[in-house]
Structures are given as C-alpha cells and as structure tokens.
Amino acid sequence: MKLSIGIVGLPNVGKSTLFKILTQQDITIANYPFATIDPNVGVVVVPDERVDKLTKLSPPKKPCRLSLNSMILPDS
C-alpha cells in the first residue's frame, strides 16, 4: 500500500527540516527563503506490528508494508 503526501508552506517555516526528520535524507537546509530549488522525494516504510502478527499467523508470498512517499516542493 502506498500513501503520497506533499509538504507545502510559506518560505522558511521548517518544511525541509520536517522532510529531513521523516526521511532521514541528507538535504540542504538553509536559513533563507527559496533554498529548495528542485523537489526532494523520499520513501519511508511505516512499521506496523499488526502486519508482523498477521505475517506470523499466515505467511504471505510477499509481505505488504505501508510506504509513505513524501515530497517537499520548492518555495513559491
């Protein structure tokens, strides 16, 4: 299952910091507006212990994990 989100907001409010924390990617964070020129895209697999329990009960051919696709858009 895939969930996609976009992080948008006013310049210099912490969008890049939030993206870096969520995705653990090394992106440029600057203390001035319009530091993000190109969109940054990250994918995070969301851990869910309910899926682990179900997998133990009935092993699937391919485990299904929720992944979160996040994108930070350039300031506009």
PDB file of N, CA and C in Angstrom:
ATOM      1  N   MET A   1       0.845  -1.161   0.000  1.00  0.00           N
ATOM      2  CA  MET A   1       0.000   0.000   0.000  1.00  0.00           C
ATOM      3  C   MET A   1       0.896   1.231   0.000  1.00  0.00           C
ATOM      4  N   LYS A   2       0.501   2.239  -0.765  1.00  0.00           N
ATOM      5  CA  LYS A   2       1.328   3.422  -0.884  1.00  0.00           C
ATOM      6  C   LYS A   2       0.506   4.663  -0.583  1.00  0.00           C
ATOM      7  N   LEU A   3       1.061   5.546   0.225  1.00  0.00           N
ATOM      8  CA  LEU A   3       0.439   6.806   0.581  1.00  0.00           C
ATOM      9  C   LEU A   3       1.394   7.911   0.157  1.00  0.00           C
ATOM     10  N   SER A   4       0.893   8.911  -0.543  1.00  0.00           N
ATOM     11  CA  SER A   4       1.732  10.013  -1.009  1.00  0.00           C
ATOM     12  C   SER A   4       1.289  11.314  -0.359  1.00  0.00           C
ATOM     13  N   ILE A   5       2.275  12.092   0.082  1.00  0.00           N
ATOM     14  CA  ILE A   5       1.978  13.400   0.658  1.00  0.00           C
ATOM     15  C   ILE A   5       2.923  14.431   0.051  1.00  0.00           C
ATOM     16  N   GLY A   6       2.513  15.659   0.082  1.00  0.00           N
ATOM     17  CA  GLY A   6       3.365  16.773  -0.328  1.00  0.00           C
ATOM     18  C   GLY A   6       3.452  17.754   0.824  1.00  0.00           C
ATOM     19  N   ILE A   7       4.646  18.265   1.082  1.00  0.00           N
ATOM     20  CA  ILE A   7       4.837  19.227   2.165  1.00  0.00           C
ATOM     21  C   ILE A   7       4.929  20.609   1.522  1.00  0.00           C
ATOM     22  N   VAL A   8       3.957  21.446   1.805  1.00  0.00           N
ATOM     23  CA  VAL A   8       3.926  22.800   1.242  1.00  0.00           C
ATOM     24  C   VAL A   8       3.743  23.800   2.379  1.00  0.00           C
ATOM     25  N   GLY A   9       4.165  25.016   2.145  1.00  0.00           N
ATOM     26  CA  GLY A   9       4.001  26.052   3.155  1.00  0.00           C
ATOM     27  C   GLY A   9       4.780  27.292   2.786  1.00  0.00           C
ATOM     28  N   LEU A  10       4.690  28.263   3.636  1.00  0.00           N
ATOM     29  CA  LEU A  10       5.400  29.512   3.417  1.00  0.00           C
ATOM     30  C   LEU A  10       6.908  29.299   3.479  1.00  0.00           C
ATOM     31  N   PRO A  11       7.691  30.190   2.858  1.00  0.00           N
ATOM     32  CA  PRO A  11       9.143  30.068   2.916  1.00  0.00           C
ATOM     33  C   PRO A  11       9.664  30.155   4.355  1.00  0.00           C
ATOM     34  N   ASN A  12      10.689  29.360   4.635  1.00  0.00           N
ATOM     35  CA  ASN A  12      11.442  29.440   5.886  1.00  0.00           C
ATOM     36  C   ASN A  12      10.617  29.097   7.127  1.00  0.00           C
ATOM     37  N   VAL A  13       9.738  28.081   7.029  1.00  0.00           N
ATOM     38  CA  VAL A  13       8.933  27.685   8.189  1.00  0.00           C
ATOM     39  C   VAL A  13       9.266  26.286   8.703  1.00  0.00           C
ATOM     40  N   GLY A  14      10.193  25.561   8.045  1.00  0.00           N
ATOM     41  CA  GLY A  14      10.608  24.255   8.550  1.00  0.00           C
ATOM     42  C   GLY A  14      10.197  23.070   7.702  1.00  0.00           C
ATOM     43  N   LYS A  15       9.790  23.289   6.463  1.00  0.00           N
ATOM     44  CA  LYS A  15       9.394  22.172   5.595  1.00  0.00           C
ATOM     45  C   LYS A  15      10.569  21.220   5.355  1.00  0.00           C
ATOM     46  N   SER A  16      11.730  21.772   5.060  1.00  0.00           N
ATOM     47  CA  SER A  16      12.908  20.929   4.798  1.00  0.00           C
ATOM     48  C   SER A  16      13.343  20.188   6.051  1.00  0.00           C
ATOM     49  N   THR A  17      13.243  20.826   7.206  1.00  0.00           N
ATOM     50  CA  THR A  17      13.601  20.168   8.466  1.00  0.00           C
ATOM     51  C   THR A  17      12.668  18.989   8.737  1.00  0.00           C
ATOM     52  N   LEU A  18      11.372  19.191   8.543  1.00  0.00           N
ATOM     53  CA  LEU A  18      10.406  18.108   8.726  1.00  0.00           C
ATOM     54  C   LEU A  18      10.684  16.965   7.758  1.00  0.00           C
ATOM     55  N   PHE A  19      10.948  17.293   6.495  1.00  0.00           N
ATOM     56  CA  PHE A  19      11.248  16.277   5.486  1.00  0.00           C
ATOM     57  C   PHE A  19      12.493  15.486   5.871  1.00  0.00           C
ATOM     58  N   LYS A  20      13.526  16.184   6.330  1.00  0.00           N
ATOM     59  CA  LYS A  20      14.780  15.518   6.720  1.00  0.00           C
ATOM     60  C   LYS A  20      14.558  14.574   7.900  1.00  0.00           C
ATOM     61  N   ILE A  21      13.736  14.989   8.859  1.00  0.00           N
ATOM     62  CA  ILE A  21      13.448  14.137  10.017  1.00  0.00           C
ATOM     63  C   ILE A  21      12.660  12.898   9.600  1.00  0.00           C
ATOM     64  N   LEU A  22      11.652  13.078   8.737  1.00  0.00           N
ATOM     65  CA  LEU A  22      10.813  11.952   8.317  1.00  0.00           C
ATOM     66  C   LEU A  22      11.560  10.940   7.467  1.00  0.00           C
ATOM     67  N   THR A  23      12.402  11.422   6.543  1.00  0.00           N
ATOM     68  CA  THR A  23      13.021  10.532   5.561  1.00  0.00           C
ATOM     69  C   THR A  23      14.455  10.152   5.880  1.00  0.00           C
ATOM     70  N   GLN A  24      15.074  10.811   6.854  1.00  0.00           N
ATOM     71  CA  GLN A  24      16.478  10.573   7.192  1.00  0.00           C
ATOM     72  C   GLN A  24      17.407  10.797   5.999  1.00  0.00           C
ATOM     73  N   GLN A  25      17.017  11.689   5.087  1.00  0.00           N
ATOM     74  CA  GLN A  25      17.857  12.023   3.934  1.00  0.00           C
ATOM     75  C   GLN A  25      18.704  13.246   4.244  1.00  0.00           C
ATOM     76  N   ASP A  26      19.845  13.338   3.599  1.00  0.00           N
ATOM     77  CA  ASP A  26      20.725  14.485   3.769  1.00  0.00           C
ATOM     78  C   ASP A  26      20.375  15.520   2.705  1.00  0.00           C
ATOM     79  N   ILE A  27      19.556  16.487   3.076  1.00  0.00           N
ATOM     80  CA  ILE A  27      19.155  17.530   2.140  1.00  0.00           C
ATOM     81  C   ILE A  27      19.650  18.876   2.662  1.00  0.00           C
ATOM     82  N   THR A  28      19.703  19.853   1.772  1.00  0.00           N
ATOM     83  CA  THR A  28      20.162  21.186   2.144  1.00  0.00           C
ATOM     84  C   THR A  28      19.084  21.910   2.944  1.00  0.00           C
ATOM     85  N   ILE A  29      19.488  22.385   4.117  1.00  0.00           N
ATOM     86  CA  ILE A  29      18.606  23.214   4.935  1.00  0.00           C
ATOM     87  C   ILE A  29      19.327  24.534   5.126  1.00  0.00           C
ATOM     88  N   ALA A  30      18.691  25.622   4.700  1.00  0.00           N
ATOM     89  CA  ALA A  30      19.321  26.932   4.790  1.00  0.00           C
ATOM     90  C   ALA A  30      18.412  27.902   5.547  1.00  0.00           C
ATOM     91  N   ASN A  31      19.006  28.920   6.088  1.00  0.00           N
ATOM     92  CA  ASN A  31      18.268  29.896   6.883  1.00  0.00           C
ATOM     93  C   ASN A  31      17.865  31.105   6.043  1.00  0.00           C
ATOM     94  N   TYR A  32      17.471  30.841   4.820  1.00  0.00           N
ATOM     95  CA  TYR A  32      16.985  31.921   3.963  1.00  0.00           C
ATOM     96  C   TYR A  32      15.890  31.366   3.065  1.00  0.00           C
ATOM     97  N   PRO A  33      14.966  32.220   2.628  1.00  0.00           N
ATOM     98  CA  PRO A  33      13.862  31.746   1.782  1.00  0.00           C
ATOM     99  C   PRO A  33      14.346  31.233   0.429  1.00  0.00           C
ATOM    100  N   PHE A  34      13.563  30.354  -0.162  1.00  0.00           N
ATOM    101  CA  PHE A  34      13.793  29.815  -1.503  1.00  0.00           C
ATOM    102  C   PHE A  34      15.090  29.007  -1.603  1.00  0.00           C
ATOM    103  N   ALA A  35      15.444  28.292  -0.532  1.00  0.00           N
ATOM    104  CA  ALA A  35      16.641  27.445  -0.554  1.00  0.00           C
ATOM    105  C   ALA A  35      16.384  26.156  -1.330  1.00  0.00           C
ATOM    106  N   THR A  36      15.131  25.695  -1.375  1.00  0.00           N
ATOM    107  CA  THR A  36      14.792  24.478  -2.114  1.00  0.00           C
ATOM    108  C   THR A  36      14.445  24.862  -3.546  1.00  0.00           C
ATOM    109  N   ILE A  37      15.306  24.460  -4.482  1.00  0.00           N
ATOM    110  CA  ILE A  37      15.092  24.779  -5.892  1.00  0.00           C
ATOM    111  C   ILE A  37      14.378  23.626  -6.596  1.00  0.00           C
ATOM    112  N   ASP A  38      14.866  22.409  -6.393  1.00  0.00           N
ATOM    113  CA  ASP A  38      14.280  21.212  -7.005  1.00  0.00           C
ATOM    114  C   ASP A  38      13.509  20.430  -5.945  1.00  0.00           C
ATOM    115  N   PRO A  39      12.418  19.780  -6.337  1.00  0.00           N
ATOM    116  CA  PRO A  39      11.664  18.980  -5.357  1.00  0.00           C
ATOM    117  C   PRO A  39      12.515  17.826  -4.807  1.00  0.00           C
ATOM    118  N   ASN A  40      12.383  17.548  -3.530  1.00  0.00           N
ATOM    119  CA  ASN A  40      13.028  16.397  -2.902  1.00  0.00           C
ATOM    120  C   ASN A  40      11.966  15.330  -2.690  1.00  0.00           C
ATOM    121  N   VAL A  41      12.296  14.089  -3.030  1.00  0.00           N
ATOM    122  CA  VAL A  41      11.354  12.980  -2.897  1.00  0.00           C
ATOM    123  C   VAL A  41      11.963  11.935  -1.979  1.00  0.00           C
ATOM    124  N   GLY A  42      11.174  11.430  -1.054  1.00  0.00           N
ATOM    125  CA  GLY A  42      11.649  10.397  -0.145  1.00  0.00           C
ATOM    126  C   GLY A  42      10.585   9.339   0.066  1.00  0.00           C
ATOM    127  N   VAL A  43      11.031   8.107   0.341  1.00  0.00           N
ATOM    128  CA  VAL A  43      10.120   6.993   0.611  1.00  0.00           C
ATOM    129  C   VAL A  43      10.482   6.419   1.978  1.00  0.00           C
ATOM    130  N   VAL A  44       9.474   6.268   2.820  1.00  0.00           N
ATOM    131  CA  VAL A  44       9.668   5.737   4.162  1.00  0.00           C
ATOM    132  C   VAL A  44       8.730   4.549   4.345  1.00  0.00           C
ATOM    133  N   VAL A  45       9.256   3.418   4.810  1.00  0.00           N
ATOM    134  CA  VAL A  45       8.419   2.265   5.128  1.00  0.00           C
ATOM    135  C   VAL A  45       7.905   2.447   6.556  1.00  0.00           C
ATOM    136  N   VAL A  46       6.599   2.358   6.718  1.00  0.00           N
ATOM    137  CA  VAL A  46       5.967   2.589   8.012  1.00  0.00           C
ATOM    138  C   VAL A  46       5.865   1.263   8.762  1.00  0.00           C
ATOM    139  N   PRO A  47       6.517   1.156   9.915  1.00  0.00           N
ATOM    140  CA  PRO A  47       6.425  -0.089  10.678  1.00  0.00           C
ATOM    141  C   PRO A  47       5.030  -0.256  11.280  1.00  0.00           C
ATOM    142  N   ASP A  48       4.538  -1.481  11.269  1.00  0.00           N
ATOM    143  CA  ASP A  48       3.217  -1.771  11.831  1.00  0.00           C
ATOM    144  C   ASP A  48       3.254  -3.165  12.439  1.00  0.00           C
ATOM    145  N   GLU A  49       3.185  -3.226  13.745  1.00  0.00           N
ATOM    146  CA  GLU A  49       3.291  -4.527  14.416  1.00  0.00           C
ATOM    147  C   GLU A  49       2.096  -5.425  14.123  1.00  0.00           C
ATOM    148  N   ARG A  50       0.976  -4.845  13.702  1.00  0.00           N
ATOM    149  CA  ARG A  50      -0.184  -5.670  13.325  1.00  0.00           C
ATOM    150  C   ARG A  50       0.143  -6.517  12.094  1.00  0.00           C
ATOM    151  N   VAL A  51       0.883  -5.929  11.157  1.00  0.00           N
ATOM    152  CA  VAL A  51       1.284  -6.679   9.959  1.00  0.00           C
ATOM    153  C   VAL A  51       2.228  -7.810  10.354  1.00  0.00           C
ATOM    154  N   ASP A  52       3.135  -7.537  11.303  1.00  0.00           N
ATOM    155  CA  ASP A  52       4.063  -8.577  11.770  1.00  0.00           C
ATOM    156  C   ASP A  52       3.302  -9.755  12.371  1.00  0.00           C
ATOM    157  N   LYS A  53       2.279  -9.464  13.168  1.00  0.00           N
ATOM    158  CA  LYS A  53       1.491 -10.535  13.792  1.00  0.00           C
ATOM    159  C   LYS A  53       0.728 -11.348  12.738  1.00  0.00           C
ATOM    160  N   LEU A  54       0.146 -10.653  11.769  1.00  0.00           N
ATOM    161  CA  LEU A  54      -0.575 -11.358  10.706  1.00  0.00           C
ATOM    162  C   LEU A  54       0.366 -12.199   9.849  1.00  0.00           C
ATOM    163  N   THR A  55       1.561 -11.698   9.614  1.00  0.00           N
ATOM    164  CA  THR A  55       2.547 -12.432   8.823  1.00  0.00           C
ATOM    165  C   THR A  55       2.954 -13.729   9.527  1.00  0.00           C
ATOM    166  N   LYS A  56       3.042 -13.685  10.866  1.00  0.00           N
ATOM    167  CA  LYS A  56       3.374 -14.900  11.616  1.00  0.00           C
ATOM    168  C   LYS A  56       2.242 -15.925  11.539  1.00  0.00           C
ATOM    169  N   LEU A  57       1.002 -15.446  11.573  1.00  0.00           N
ATOM    170  CA  LEU A  57      -0.153 -16.349  11.519  1.00  0.00           C
ATOM    171  C   LEU A  57      -0.324 -16.994  10.145  1.00  0.00           C
ATOM    172  N   SER A  58      -0.152 -16.198   9.116  1.00  0.00           N
ATOM    173  CA  SER A  58      -0.337 -16.677   7.748  1.00  0.00           C
ATOM    174  C   SER A  58       0.720 -16.045   6.848  1.00  0.00           C
ATOM    175  N   PRO A  59       1.852 -16.735   6.667  1.00  0.00           N
ATOM    176  CA  PRO A  59       2.942 -16.150   5.883  1.00  0.00           C
ATOM    177  C   PRO A  59       2.523 -15.870   4.430  1.00  0.00           C
ATOM    178  N   PRO A  60       2.616 -14.619   4.002  1.00  0.00           N
ATOM    179  CA  PRO A  60       2.256 -14.287   2.624  1.00  0.00           C
ATOM    180  C   PRO A  60       3.403 -14.588   1.660  1.00  0.00           C
ATOM    181  N   LYS A  61       3.088 -14.637   0.374  1.00  0.00           N
ATOM    182  CA  LYS A  61       4.139 -14.818  -0.623  1.00  0.00           C
ATOM    183  C   LYS A  61       5.054 -13.606  -0.645  1.00  0.00           C
ATOM    184  N   LYS A  62       4.446 -12.444  -0.472  1.00  0.00           N
ATOM    185  CA  LYS A  62       5.211 -11.199  -0.469  1.00  0.00           C
ATOM    186  C   LYS A  62       4.654 -10.315   0.647  1.00  0.00           C
ATOM    187  N   PRO A  63       5.493  -9.943   1.641  1.00  0.00           N
ATOM    188  CA  PRO A  63       4.985  -9.081   2.713  1.00  0.00           C
ATOM    189  C   PRO A  63       4.540  -7.724   2.168  1.00  0.00           C
ATOM    190  N   CYS A  64       3.460  -7.232   2.696  1.00  0.00           N
ATOM    191  CA  CYS A  64       2.907  -5.947   2.255  1.00  0.00           C
ATOM    192  C   CYS A  64       3.132  -4.919   3.360  1.00  0.00           C
ATOM    193  N   ARG A  65       3.909  -3.924   3.084  1.00  0.00           N
ATOM    194  CA  ARG A  65       4.183  -2.857   4.042  1.00  0.00           C
ATOM    195  C   ARG A  65       3.646  -1.543   3.508  1.00  0.00           C
ATOM    196  N   LEU A  66       3.218  -0.685   4.404  1.00  0.00           N
ATOM    197  CA  LEU A  66       2.790   0.650   4.009  1.00  0.00           C
ATOM    198  C   LEU A  66       4.027   1.498   3.775  1.00  0.00           C
ATOM    199  N   SER A  67       4.090   2.135   2.620  1.00  0.00           N
ATOM    200  CA  SER A  67       5.193   3.057   2.361  1.00  0.00           C
ATOM    201  C   SER A  67       4.615   4.451   2.176  1.00  0.00           C
ATOM    202  N   LEU A  68       5.331   5.410   2.711  1.00  0.00           N
ATOM    203  CA  LEU A  68       4.925   6.800   2.650  1.00  0.00           C
ATOM    204  C   LEU A  68       5.854   7.533   1.695  1.00  0.00           C
ATOM    205  N   ASN A  69       5.315   7.976   0.573  1.00  0.00           N
ATOM    206  CA  ASN A  69       6.087   8.771  -0.375  1.00  0.00           C
ATOM    207  C   ASN A  69       5.859  10.227  -0.026  1.00  0.00           C
ATOM    208  N   SER A  70       6.927  10.923   0.289  1.00  0.00           N
ATOM    209  CA  SER A  70       6.780  12.329   0.650  1.00  0.00           C
ATOM    210  C   SER A  70       7.605  13.196  -0.304  1.00  0.00           C
ATOM    211  N   MET A  71       7.095  14.375  -0.566  1.00  0.00           N
ATOM    212  CA  MET A  71       7.776  15.292  -1.472  1.00  0.00           C
ATOM    213  C   MET A  71       7.731  16.688  -0.881  1.00  0.00           C
ATOM    214  N   ILE A  72       8.868  17.351  -0.899  1.00  0.00           N
ATOM    215  CA  ILE A  72       8.899  18.746  -0.495  1.00  0.00           C
ATOM    216  C   ILE A  72       9.060  19.550  -1.771  1.00  0.00           C
ATOM    217  N   LEU A  73       8.151  20.475  -1.960  1.00  0.00           N
ATOM    218  CA  LEU A  73       8.125  21.272  -3.178  1.00  0.00           C
ATOM    219  C   LEU A  73       8.917  22.555  -2.981  1.00  0.00           C
ATOM    220  N   PRO A  74       9.492  23.094  -4.056  1.00  0.00           N
ATOM    221  CA  PRO A  74      10.228  24.353  -3.922  1.00  0.00           C
ATOM    222  C   PRO A  74       9.302  25.470  -3.452  1.00  0.00           C
ATOM    223  N   ASP A  75       9.874  26.421  -2.728  1.00  0.00           N
ATOM    224  CA  ASP A  75       9.094  27.579  -2.285  1.00  0.00           C
ATOM    225  C   ASP A  75       8.606  28.345  -3.493  1.00  0.00           C
ATOM    226  N   SER A  76       7.408  28.897  -3.379  1.00  0.00           N
ATOM    227  CA  SER A  76       6.886  29.672  -4.499  1.00  0.00           C
ATOM    228  C   SER A  76       6.462  31.059  -4.050  1.00  0.00           C
TER     229      SER A  76
END
